[in-house]
């Protein structure tokens, strides 16, 4: 074995121990060797970033492919899931408008677009009306199948969208799959929330917009809603049936056909010298076949004799006009109305029967435009309400109980709690409903004049509000009401909302004809 020269061994040893020359890629300034090194991301930031990618990807997936075309009865519809903060269901019936239902509370909304009417299927229904009886089952089957298809397609769309965006952002298959899995979990949680909060009765209280706001009969009249309600599917079939007839009539709105056994009362208030109110009231009287108009005061603004000519259109509105004095209406105004035909002025608890309903009311004890007199405010309202309550008890004792009481200010109206089933008021310029302690329902109307000239004082104009109240002719109790809201000055929006008292809703234990619980001062032996 030959020996390596010692000189060669030393050279090799020196080569092994020689420092490595840093390359261009690893070289960094000696003064700050750690300053440029990237810091690891915080877990919270990474988690928020992942959630943002998942939500955006899922939303994009739903926009691109998350819808299904479903034939529902004679109509072709498109069902879509959309992200939403409030949930619910929106049914778009182009070009007539839309219906909104508070069907569920979840971060997704169900949109149903009525695309077109199939001429062949629609004509078959028109030619053979007996087929409408089987339309309910057909619609229920179509919607069940469409909802199942939409759930599957939405799941695929959400997972695909979140996975694709995750892959584009992170460029790692594992992260992309995690995005898709999280999206699927979020969709499942949203579906579970929607299922847990599903409210099939929401079809009973829809909100109409567009031209449909003039056709609330699409979901049936007040009496049929109370007595004929079985399940959600029946009302949905009724909706499809009426929409079919709507399209068959060349998309013209059908005349409103109320139940002949229903008494319809139009409640208006706080007109405040707005001349547009008379045209709106006349239109509502004709459209809804109104039997009685009730005005809970503040028809005028200053109550002067010069304003009295503003009241002349009342005689031509087409229905009896029941009126109580508001704090902007003077005794001069009241005497002018008392001389008009078809006008019934209520004051000091006087009662009158109109269209099968018995009304009693009291005028506002204050006249605020008259600054020469100090106002007693709340105390005078309570005294007026107490006088009205006493008159209502006397009517009941005489065997002629009052069905509807009317006052201008809610503070006066609250004093009649327990003496009458329903009391109407205004004054506060916004709509409100409540059932008071002893069972009397208080309905406060908004301003049918859009607050009059006061509408221009704020940033946004006040809406014009009125209500159609539906009474059962036999029991004379409130069955349902439609809240009507029109856009204020310069606006052309319209919305009609159907409402049912709790005692009239499906499953309620209280009969709609039950009288209110009498207050301690009310004789319980003379209940109607």
Protein backbone atom coordinates (compact mmCIF):
# COMPACT_ATOMS: atom_id res chain seq x y z
CA UNK A 1 0.00 0.00 0.00
CA UNK A 2 1.51 3.29 -1.14
CA UNK A 3 1.58 6.23 1.18
CA UNK A 4 0.12 9.59 0.22
CA UNK A 5 2.59 12.41 0.44
CA UNK A 6 2.21 14.57 3.51
CA UNK A 7 1.94 17.71 1.39
CA UNK A 8 -1.16 16.38 -0.35
CA UNK A 9 -2.76 15.49 2.99
CA UNK A 10 -2.29 19.00 4.26
CA UNK A 11 -3.83 20.51 1.12
CA UNK A 12 -6.91 18.32 1.42
CA UNK A 13 -7.28 19.16 5.07
CA UNK A 14 -7.15 22.86 4.34
CA UNK A 15 -9.76 22.50 1.60
CA UNK A 16 -12.12 20.76 3.96
CA UNK A 17 -11.82 23.47 6.58
CA UNK A 18 -11.93 26.42 4.21
CA UNK A 19 -15.04 28.62 4.70
CA UNK A 20 -17.76 28.32 2.06
CA UNK A 21 -18.26 31.33 -0.13
CA UNK A 22 -21.90 32.41 0.10
CA UNK A 23 -23.76 32.32 -3.19
CA UNK A 24 -25.87 35.20 -4.51
CA UNK A 25 -29.08 33.51 -3.37
CA UNK A 26 -28.01 33.02 0.28
CA UNK A 27 -25.96 36.19 0.76
CA UNK A 28 -27.47 38.74 3.13
CA UNK A 29 -26.11 41.88 4.80
CA UNK A 30 -23.96 41.12 7.80
CA UNK A 31 -25.29 44.07 9.75
CA UNK A 32 -28.88 42.76 9.95
CA UNK A 33 -28.87 39.01 9.30
CA UNK A 34 -32.39 38.43 10.70
CA UNK A 35 -34.25 41.62 9.81
CA UNK A 36 -35.35 40.45 6.36
CA UNK A 37 -36.41 36.95 7.37
CA UNK A 38 -40.24 36.48 6.88
CA UNK A 39 -42.24 36.14 10.06
CA UNK A 40 -44.68 33.26 10.36
CA UNK A 41 -48.33 34.28 9.92
CA UNK A 42 -50.52 34.39 12.97
CA UNK A 43 -53.13 31.61 13.29
CA UNK A 44 -56.01 34.09 13.59
CA UNK A 45 -55.01 35.89 10.40
CA UNK A 46 -54.72 32.59 8.55
CA UNK A 47 -58.12 31.48 9.82
CA UNK A 48 -59.82 34.73 8.79
CA UNK A 49 -58.20 34.53 5.40
CA UNK A 50 -59.46 30.97 4.95
CA UNK A 51 -63.00 31.98 5.94
CA UNK A 52 -62.92 34.90 3.49
CA UNK A 53 -61.78 32.59 0.69
CA UNK A 54 -64.48 30.05 1.55
CA UNK A 55 -67.31 32.61 1.69
CA UNK A 56 -66.27 34.36 -1.52
CA UNK A 57 -65.75 31.09 -3.37
CA UNK A 58 -69.08 29.69 -2.21
CA UNK A 59 -70.88 32.88 -3.25
CA UNK A 60 -69.24 32.83 -6.69
CA UNK A 61 -70.18 29.17 -7.07
CA UNK A 62 -73.83 29.93 -6.28
CA UNK A 63 -73.85 32.83 -8.74
CA UNK A 64 -72.48 30.70 -11.57
CA UNK A 65 -74.26 27.35 -11.25
CA UNK A 66 -76.36 27.43 -8.05
CA UNK A 67 -79.84 27.47 -9.63
CA UNK A 68 -82.30 24.99 -11.09
CA UNK A 69 -85.13 25.38 -13.59
CA UNK A 70 -88.27 23.74 -12.27
CA UNK A 71 -91.74 23.50 -13.85
CA UNK A 72 -94.27 24.31 -11.12
CA UNK A 73 -97.76 23.59 -12.33
CA UNK A 74 -98.25 25.54 -15.57
CA UNK A 75 -95.27 27.84 -14.92
CA UNK A 76 -91.54 27.56 -15.58
CA UNK A 77 -89.56 28.80 -12.58
CA UNK A 78 -85.93 29.21 -11.57
CA UNK A 79 -84.98 28.47 -7.97
CA UNK A 80 -81.80 29.98 -6.56
CA UNK A 81 -80.06 30.22 -3.20
CA UNK A 82 -78.48 33.57 -2.41
CA UNK A 83 -76.41 34.77 0.56
CA UNK A 84 -78.52 36.91 2.88
CA UNK A 85 -78.34 38.38 6.35
CA UNK A 86 -82.03 37.82 7.08
CA UNK A 87 -83.00 34.76 5.04
CA UNK A 88 -86.60 34.37 3.87
CA UNK A 89 -88.10 33.61 0.49
CA UNK A 90 -88.61 36.01 -2.41
CA UNK A 91 -91.00 35.13 -5.24
CA UNK A 92 -90.45 37.31 -8.32
CA UNK A 93 -93.41 37.41 -10.70
CA UNK A 94 -92.19 39.53 -13.59
CA UNK A 95 -93.40 42.03 -14.66
CA UNK A 96 -95.98 42.31 -11.87
CA UNK A 97 -93.70 42.55 -8.85
CA UNK A 98 -92.62 40.29 -6.00
CA UNK A 99 -93.76 38.65 -2.76
CA UNK A 100 -91.48 38.36 0.26
CA UNK A 101 -92.07 35.70 2.91
CA UNK A 102 -90.39 35.42 6.32
CA UNK A 103 -90.13 31.69 5.78
CA UNK A 104 -86.87 31.07 7.67
CA UNK A 105 -83.96 32.76 9.40
CA UNK A 106 -80.59 31.73 7.96
CA UNK A 107 -77.70 33.28 6.00
CA UNK A 108 -79.28 32.08 2.74
CA UNK A 109 -82.38 33.30 0.90
CA UNK A 110 -84.48 31.28 -1.51
CA UNK A 111 -85.31 33.17 -4.71
CA UNK A 112 -88.06 31.80 -6.94
CA UNK A 113 -88.34 33.53 -10.30
CA UNK A 114 -91.48 32.89 -12.36
CA UNK A 115 -89.89 32.96 -15.82
CA UNK A 116 -92.84 32.25 -18.08
CA UNK A 117 -96.18 30.53 -18.37
CA UNK A 118 -96.30 27.42 -20.46
CA UNK A 119 -99.12 28.10 -22.97
CA UNK A 120 -100.07 24.45 -23.37
CA UNK A 121 -100.31 23.66 -19.66
CA UNK A 122 -102.04 26.97 -18.89
CA UNK A 123 -104.62 26.52 -21.64
CA UNK A 124 -105.36 23.01 -20.40
CA UNK A 125 -106.21 24.44 -16.97
CA UNK A 126 -108.34 27.21 -18.45
CA UNK A 127 -110.24 24.74 -20.66
CA UNK A 128 -110.69 22.24 -17.82
CA UNK A 129 -111.19 24.15 -14.54
CA UNK A 130 -111.78 20.89 -12.69
CA UNK A 131 -108.05 20.23 -12.94
CA UNK A 132 -107.44 23.03 -10.46
CA UNK A 133 -108.57 20.66 -7.70
CA UNK A 134 -105.51 18.47 -8.34
CA UNK A 135 -103.12 21.37 -8.79
CA UNK A 136 -102.23 21.39 -5.09
CA UNK A 137 -100.63 17.93 -5.15
CA UNK A 138 -98.89 18.67 -8.44
CA UNK A 139 -97.41 21.91 -7.11
CA UNK A 140 -96.29 20.24 -3.86
CA UNK A 141 -94.57 17.46 -5.84
CA UNK A 142 -92.88 19.93 -8.21
CA UNK A 143 -91.58 22.11 -5.37
CA UNK A 144 -90.31 19.14 -3.37
CA UNK A 145 -88.41 17.83 -6.39
CA UNK A 146 -87.08 21.28 -7.26
CA UNK A 147 -85.92 21.94 -3.70
CA UNK A 148 -84.07 18.60 -3.58
CA UNK A 149 -82.36 19.33 -6.92
CA UNK A 150 -81.47 22.83 -5.72
CA UNK A 151 -79.93 21.48 -2.52
CA UNK A 152 -77.70 19.04 -4.43
CA UNK A 153 -76.70 21.57 -7.07
CA UNK A 154 -76.03 24.26 -4.47
CA UNK A 155 -73.83 21.88 -2.49
CA UNK A 156 -71.79 21.07 -5.59
CA UNK A 157 -71.59 24.75 -6.54
CA UNK A 158 -70.47 25.84 -3.08
CA UNK A 159 -67.81 23.14 -2.72
CA UNK A 160 -66.52 23.64 -6.27
CA UNK A 161 -66.36 27.41 -5.97
CA UNK A 162 -64.59 27.38 -2.59
CA UNK A 163 -62.14 24.65 -3.68
CA UNK A 164 -61.28 26.41 -6.94
CA UNK A 165 -60.70 29.74 -5.26
CA UNK A 166 -58.70 28.07 -2.47
CA UNK A 167 -56.46 26.43 -5.05
CA UNK A 168 -55.98 29.73 -6.88
CA UNK A 169 -55.11 31.60 -3.68
CA UNK A 170 -53.05 29.03 -1.75
CA UNK A 171 -51.73 26.86 -4.65
CA UNK A 172 -51.80 23.89 -2.32
CA UNK A 173 -54.22 20.97 -2.87
CA UNK A 174 -54.55 20.38 0.87
CA UNK A 175 -55.59 23.97 1.54
CA UNK A 176 -57.99 23.88 -1.42
CA UNK A 177 -59.66 20.71 -0.12
CA UNK A 178 -59.93 22.30 3.33
CA UNK A 179 -61.70 25.29 1.75
CA UNK A 180 -64.18 23.01 0.00
CA UNK A 181 -64.83 21.01 3.17
CA UNK A 182 -65.42 24.14 5.24
CA UNK A 183 -67.79 25.50 2.58
CA UNK A 184 -69.81 22.29 2.67
CA UNK A 185 -69.95 22.46 6.47
CA UNK A 186 -71.17 26.08 6.35
CA UNK A 187 -73.85 25.18 3.79
CA UNK A 188 -75.00 22.24 5.93
CA UNK A 189 -75.16 24.50 8.99
CA UNK A 190 -77.17 27.10 7.04
CA UNK A 191 -79.54 24.40 5.83
CA UNK A 192 -79.98 23.10 9.37
CA UNK A 193 -80.71 26.60 10.63
CA UNK A 194 -83.25 27.18 7.86
CA UNK A 195 -84.92 23.84 8.66
CA UNK A 196 -85.04 24.61 12.39
CA UNK A 197 -86.55 28.07 11.83
CA UNK A 198 -88.85 27.13 8.94
CA UNK A 199 -92.19 28.92 9.29
CA UNK A 200 -94.84 27.49 6.95
CA UNK A 201 -97.35 30.09 8.17
CA UNK A 202 -95.26 32.87 6.61
CA UNK A 203 -97.37 32.65 3.46
CA UNK A 204 -100.23 34.10 5.51
CA UNK A 205 -98.35 37.39 6.04
CA UNK A 206 -96.60 38.19 2.74
CA UNK A 207 -95.24 41.55 1.66
CA UNK A 208 -96.26 42.62 -1.84
CA UNK A 209 -94.26 45.03 -3.97
CA UNK A 210 -94.69 46.41 -7.47
CA UNK A 211 -98.03 45.95 -9.20
CA UNK A 212 -98.82 43.01 -6.95
CA UNK A 213 -99.37 45.46 -4.11
CA UNK A 214 -102.77 46.15 -5.66
CA UNK A 215 -103.72 42.48 -5.69
CA UNK A 216 -103.41 41.10 -2.13
CA UNK A 217 -106.16 38.62 -3.01
CA UNK A 218 -103.43 36.39 -4.47
CA UNK A 219 -103.17 34.68 -1.09
CA UNK A 220 -106.87 34.60 -0.38
CA UNK A 221 -109.23 36.85 1.51
CA UNK A 222 -109.35 37.27 5.26
CA UNK A 223 -112.08 34.74 6.00
CA UNK A 224 -110.66 31.98 3.80
CA UNK A 225 -107.21 32.43 5.37
CA UNK A 226 -108.67 31.81 8.82
CA UNK A 227 -111.11 29.01 8.03
CA UNK A 228 -109.57 27.15 5.08
CA UNK A 229 -105.91 27.01 6.08
CA UNK A 230 -104.59 23.46 6.19
CA UNK A 231 -100.91 23.54 5.24
CA UNK A 232 -98.39 25.71 3.47
CA UNK A 233 -98.90 23.77 0.23
CA UNK A 234 -102.54 24.77 -0.08
CA UNK A 235 -101.83 28.49 0.00
CA UNK A 236 -98.95 28.01 -2.42
CA UNK A 237 -101.27 26.18 -4.79
CA UNK A 238 -103.76 29.03 -4.43
CA UNK A 239 -100.99 31.46 -5.35
CA UNK A 240 -100.07 29.46 -8.46
CA UNK A 241 -103.72 29.21 -9.47
CA UNK A 242 -104.31 32.95 -9.25
CA UNK A 243 -101.06 33.78 -11.01
CA UNK A 244 -102.09 31.44 -13.82
CA UNK A 245 -105.37 33.29 -14.21
CA UNK A 246 -103.44 36.56 -13.95
CA UNK A 247 -101.24 35.71 -16.94
CA UNK A 248 -104.17 34.27 -18.89
CA UNK A 249 -105.85 37.69 -18.57
CA UNK A 250 -102.95 39.24 -20.53
CA UNK A 251 -101.13 40.21 -17.34
CA UNK A 252 -103.83 42.61 -16.16
CA UNK A 253 -104.59 42.61 -12.46
CA UNK A 254 -107.85 40.92 -11.50
CA UNK A 255 -110.55 42.80 -9.64
CA UNK A 256 -110.34 42.24 -5.92
CA UNK A 257 -113.10 39.81 -4.94
CA UNK A 258 -113.60 39.92 -1.14
CA UNK A 259 -115.56 37.33 0.75
CA UNK A 260 -119.20 38.53 0.83
CA UNK A 261 -119.38 37.68 4.54
CA UNK A 262 -116.46 39.99 5.39
CA UNK A 263 -116.92 43.61 6.52
CA UNK A 264 -114.09 45.76 5.17
CA UNK A 265 -113.07 48.92 7.03
CA UNK A 266 -110.54 51.42 5.70
CA UNK A 267 -108.62 53.07 8.57
CA UNK A 268 -107.00 56.44 7.76
CA UNK A 269 -105.51 59.11 9.99
CA UNK A 270 -103.46 62.32 10.12
CA UNK A 271 -104.18 63.48 6.57
CA UNK A 272 -102.99 67.02 7.43
CA UNK A 273 -104.44 68.80 4.38
CA UNK A 274 -102.78 66.57 1.78
CA UNK A 275 -105.13 66.70 -1.24
CA UNK A 276 -103.58 63.57 -2.74
CA UNK A 277 -105.06 61.58 0.14
CA UNK A 278 -108.60 61.80 -1.24
CA UNK A 279 -107.63 60.16 -4.54
CA UNK A 280 -105.77 57.42 -2.71
CA UNK A 281 -108.71 56.79 -0.37
CA UNK A 282 -111.19 56.71 -3.26
CA UNK A 283 -108.99 54.21 -5.09
CA UNK A 284 -108.75 51.95 -2.04
CA UNK A 285 -112.51 52.13 -1.48
CA UNK A 286 -113.13 50.96 -5.05
CA UNK A 287 -110.41 48.33 -5.17
CA UNK A 288 -111.18 46.70 -1.82
CA UNK A 289 -114.96 47.24 -1.88
CA UNK A 290 -114.71 49.11 1.42
CA UNK A 291 -117.86 49.26 3.56
CA UNK A 292 -116.78 51.95 6.05
CA UNK A 293 -114.01 54.57 6.25
CA UNK A 294 -112.74 55.45 9.74
CA UNK A 295 -110.67 58.64 10.16
CA UNK A 296 -108.99 58.92 13.57
CA UNK A 297 -108.36 62.65 13.32
CA UNK A 298 -105.95 65.42 12.33
CA UNK A 299 -107.58 65.73 8.94
CA UNK A 300 -106.82 69.46 9.04
CA UNK A 301 -103.69 71.37 9.95
CA UNK A 302 -104.86 74.60 11.62
CA UNK A 303 -108.61 74.01 11.94
CA UNK A 304 -109.60 77.36 10.42
CA UNK A 305 -112.83 77.98 8.52
CA UNK A 306 -110.75 78.77 5.43
CA UNK A 307 -109.62 75.15 5.35
CA UNK A 308 -113.13 73.66 5.40
CA UNK A 309 -113.38 73.45 1.62
CA UNK A 310 -110.65 70.82 1.74
CA UNK A 311 -113.20 68.41 3.28
CA UNK A 312 -115.71 68.55 0.41
CA UNK A 313 -114.40 65.45 -1.47
CA UNK A 314 -115.43 63.25 1.48
CA UNK A 315 -119.01 63.06 0.19
CA UNK A 316 -117.82 61.46 -3.05
CA UNK A 317 -115.54 58.78 -1.62
CA UNK A 318 -118.14 56.05 -2.05
CA UNK A 319 -118.44 54.82 1.56
CA UNK A 320 -119.74 56.12 4.92
CA UNK A 321 -117.14 58.27 6.68
CA UNK A 322 -116.65 57.89 10.47
CA UNK A 323 -114.59 60.70 12.01
CA UNK A 324 -113.21 61.83 15.38
CA UNK A 325 -111.59 65.17 16.11
CA UNK A 326 -107.80 65.33 16.37
CA UNK A 327 -105.65 67.93 18.08
CA UNK A 328 -105.32 69.82 14.75
CA UNK A 329 -109.09 69.77 14.12
CA UNK A 330 -111.19 72.54 15.64
CA UNK A 331 -114.86 72.59 16.66
CA UNK A 332 -115.38 74.68 13.50
CA UNK A 333 -114.09 71.71 11.51
CA UNK A 334 -116.31 69.32 13.43
CA UNK A 335 -119.49 71.35 12.86
CA UNK A 336 -118.71 71.57 9.12
CA UNK A 337 -118.40 67.78 8.90
CA UNK A 338 -121.57 67.19 10.91
CA UNK A 339 -123.55 68.96 8.17
CA UNK A 340 -122.14 66.77 5.38
CA UNK A 341 -123.99 63.77 3.96
CA UNK A 342 -122.74 60.29 4.76
CA UNK A 343 -120.40 61.58 7.52
CA UNK A 344 -120.72 60.28 11.08
CA UNK A 345 -118.93 62.37 13.72
CA UNK A 346 -118.14 60.51 16.95
CA UNK A 347 -117.72 62.49 20.16
CA UNK A 348 -118.42 62.15 23.87
CA UNK A 349 -118.79 58.37 23.51
CA UNK A 350 -121.75 58.56 21.13
CA UNK A 351 -122.27 55.24 19.30
CA UNK A 352 -123.60 54.46 15.84
CA UNK A 353 -124.02 51.28 13.80
CA UNK A 354 -122.73 51.27 10.21
CA UNK A 355 -122.49 48.28 7.85
CA UNK A 356 -123.11 45.87 10.74
CA UNK A 357 -120.42 47.29 13.06
CA UNK A 358 -121.06 49.47 16.08
CA UNK A 359 -118.65 52.41 16.52
CA UNK A 360 -118.12 54.84 19.38
CA UNK A 361 -115.49 57.53 19.84
CA UNK A 362 -114.39 60.76 21.45
CA UNK A 363 -112.79 63.90 20.06
CA UNK A 364 -109.35 65.03 21.16
CA UNK A 365 -109.70 67.31 24.22
CA UNK A 366 -106.91 69.59 23.00
CA UNK A 367 -106.62 71.93 20.04
CA UNK A 368 -102.89 72.54 19.81
CA UNK A 369 -102.86 75.15 16.99
CA UNK A 370 -104.65 77.50 19.43
CA UNK A 371 -101.64 78.79 21.39
CA UNK A 372 -103.78 81.06 23.57
CA UNK A 373 -104.72 78.13 25.82
CA UNK A 374 -102.36 76.11 27.96
CA UNK A 375 -102.48 72.41 27.17
CA UNK A 376 -103.13 69.78 29.81
CA UNK A 377 -101.46 67.17 27.65
CA UNK A 378 -101.43 63.68 29.16
CA UNK A 379 -103.91 64.35 31.95
CA UNK A 380 -106.61 65.64 29.59
CA UNK A 381 -106.10 62.63 27.29
CA UNK A 382 -106.57 60.23 30.17
CA UNK A 383 -109.76 62.00 31.25
CA UNK A 384 -111.13 61.82 27.71
CA UNK A 385 -110.29 58.13 27.53
CA UNK A 386 -111.96 57.52 30.88
CA UNK A 387 -115.18 59.21 29.62
CA UNK A 388 -115.09 57.00 26.52
CA UNK A 389 -114.55 53.88 28.61
CA UNK A 390 -117.53 54.80 30.81
CA UNK A 391 -119.71 55.25 27.72
CA UNK A 392 -118.58 51.86 26.38
CA UNK A 393 -119.55 50.16 29.64
CA UNK A 394 -122.95 51.83 29.52
CA UNK A 395 -123.47 50.56 25.96
CA UNK A 396 -122.58 47.05 27.02
CA UNK A 397 -124.92 47.20 29.99
CA UNK A 398 -127.71 48.34 27.68
CA UNK A 399 -127.20 45.29 25.48
CA UNK A 400 -125.68 47.24 22.58
CA UNK A 401 -121.94 46.58 22.95
CA UNK A 402 -119.54 48.56 20.80
CA UNK A 403 -117.33 46.68 18.35
CA UNK A 404 -114.81 49.42 17.52
CA UNK A 405 -113.80 52.45 19.58
CA UNK A 406 -112.00 55.44 18.02
CA UNK A 407 -109.79 58.09 19.61
CA UNK A 408 -107.06 60.28 18.20
CA UNK A 409 -104.23 59.94 20.70
CA UNK A 410 -103.02 56.50 21.82
CA UNK A 411 -102.86 57.70 25.45
CA UNK A 412 -106.64 58.24 25.38
CA UNK A 413 -107.23 54.98 23.53
CA UNK A 414 -105.37 52.99 26.18
CA UNK A 415 -107.96 54.00 28.79
CA UNK A 416 -110.63 51.80 27.14
CA UNK A 417 -108.65 48.58 27.62
CA UNK A 418 -111.03 45.78 28.56
CA UNK A 419 -114.23 47.54 27.46
CA UNK A 420 -114.10 46.88 23.69
CA UNK A 421 -112.41 44.34 21.40
CA UNK A 422 -110.67 46.94 19.20
CA UNK A 423 -109.71 50.60 19.49
CA UNK A 424 -108.29 52.70 16.63
CA UNK A 425 -106.01 55.72 17.00
CA UNK A 426 -103.44 57.83 15.14
CA UNK A 427 -101.41 60.92 16.08
CA UNK A 428 -97.88 59.44 16.13
CA UNK A 429 -97.58 59.20 12.30
CA UNK A 430 -96.38 55.60 12.30
CA UNK A 431 -98.24 52.32 12.25
CA UNK A 432 -98.29 50.14 15.37
CA UNK A 433 -100.36 47.29 16.80
CA UNK A 434 -100.48 45.85 20.30
CA UNK A 435 -102.77 43.83 22.55
CA UNK A 436 -103.14 45.62 25.86
CA UNK A 437 -103.23 44.14 29.36
CA UNK A 438 -106.96 43.38 29.49
CA UNK A 439 -107.26 42.06 25.94
CA UNK A 440 -108.23 45.09 23.84
CA UNK A 441 -106.29 45.37 20.60
CA UNK A 442 -104.90 48.84 19.87
CA UNK A 443 -104.33 49.67 16.17
CA UNK A 444 -102.46 52.94 15.57
CA UNK A 445 -102.46 54.15 11.98
CA UNK A 446 -99.65 56.06 10.30
CA UNK A 447 -100.17 59.29 8.37
CA UNK A 448 -102.43 58.83 5.34
CA UNK A 449 -101.31 62.29 4.25
CA UNK A 450 -97.63 61.45 4.54
CA UNK A 451 -97.53 63.96 7.43
CA UNK A 452 -98.80 66.71 5.08
CA UNK A 453 -96.45 69.61 4.57
CA UNK A 454 -94.33 68.32 7.44
CA UNK A 455 -93.08 65.64 5.06
CA UNK A 456 -90.60 68.10 3.55
CA UNK A 457 -89.05 68.96 6.90
CA UNK A 458 -87.01 65.76 7.26
CA UNK A 459 -84.32 64.25 5.10
CA UNK A 460 -86.66 61.62 3.70
CA UNK A 461 -90.40 61.98 2.98
CA UNK A 462 -92.79 60.17 5.27
CA UNK A 463 -94.74 57.31 3.69
CA UNK A 464 -98.49 57.42 3.10
CA UNK A 465 -100.09 54.73 5.26
CA UNK A 466 -103.55 53.22 5.59
CA UNK A 467 -105.04 49.87 6.56
CA UNK A 468 -107.82 47.59 5.40
CA UNK A 469 -109.41 45.83 8.38
CA UNK A 470 -111.39 42.63 7.78
CA UNK A 471 -114.22 41.80 10.21
CA UNK A 472 -116.34 38.68 10.40
CA UNK A 473 -119.94 39.72 9.82
CA UNK A 474 -121.29 37.20 12.35
CA UNK A 475 -118.90 37.70 15.28
CA UNK A 476 -117.93 41.31 14.34
CA UNK A 477 -114.34 40.53 15.36
CA UNK A 478 -111.17 41.50 13.53
CA UNK A 479 -109.99 38.60 11.34
CA UNK A 480 -107.00 40.14 9.52
CA UNK A 481 -105.68 43.42 8.19
CA UNK A 482 -103.62 44.67 5.26
CA UNK A 483 -101.11 47.43 6.01
CA UNK A 484 -100.72 49.63 2.92
CA UNK A 485 -97.65 51.82 2.55
CA UNK A 486 -97.04 54.15 -0.40
CA UNK A 487 -93.89 56.16 -1.02
CA UNK A 488 -94.02 59.76 0.19
CA UNK A 489 -93.56 62.92 -1.87
CA UNK A 490 -91.95 62.08 -5.21
CA UNK A 491 -91.74 58.33 -4.57
CA UNK A 492 -93.63 55.65 -6.48
CA UNK A 493 -93.19 52.61 -4.24
CA UNK A 494 -95.99 50.48 -2.85
CA UNK A 495 -96.15 47.67 -0.33
CA UNK A 496 -99.03 45.69 1.14
CA UNK A 497 -98.48 43.42 4.15
CA UNK A 498 -101.06 40.88 5.31
CA UNK A 499 -101.34 40.35 9.10
CA UNK A 500 -103.37 37.97 11.26
CA UNK A 501 -104.14 38.33 14.97
CA UNK A 502 -102.52 35.56 16.99
CA UNK A 503 -105.88 34.10 17.97
CA UNK A 504 -106.72 33.60 14.28
CA UNK A 505 -103.48 31.91 13.31
CA UNK A 506 -103.38 28.12 12.84
CA UNK A 507 -102.97 26.27 16.11
CA UNK A 508 -104.19 29.13 18.28
CA UNK A 509 -106.12 28.13 21.39
CA UNK A 510 -108.11 31.37 21.68
CA UNK A 511 -111.25 31.66 19.60
CA UNK A 512 -111.42 34.71 17.32
CA UNK A 513 -114.81 35.56 18.74
CA UNK A 514 -113.62 35.65 22.35
CA UNK A 515 -114.33 38.95 24.03
CA UNK A 516 -111.48 40.86 25.68
CA UNK A 517 -110.80 40.18 29.33
CA UNK A 518 -112.64 42.85 31.30
CA UNK A 519 -110.66 45.23 33.44
CA UNK A 520 -111.40 45.35 37.17
CA UNK A 521 -113.75 48.31 36.58
CA UNK A 522 -115.65 46.56 33.79
CA UNK A 523 -118.80 44.58 34.65
CA UNK A 524 -118.12 40.99 33.58
CA UNK A 525 -121.80 39.99 33.53
CA UNK A 526 -122.58 42.02 30.42
CA UNK A 527 -119.98 40.63 28.02
CA UNK A 528 -121.17 40.47 24.40
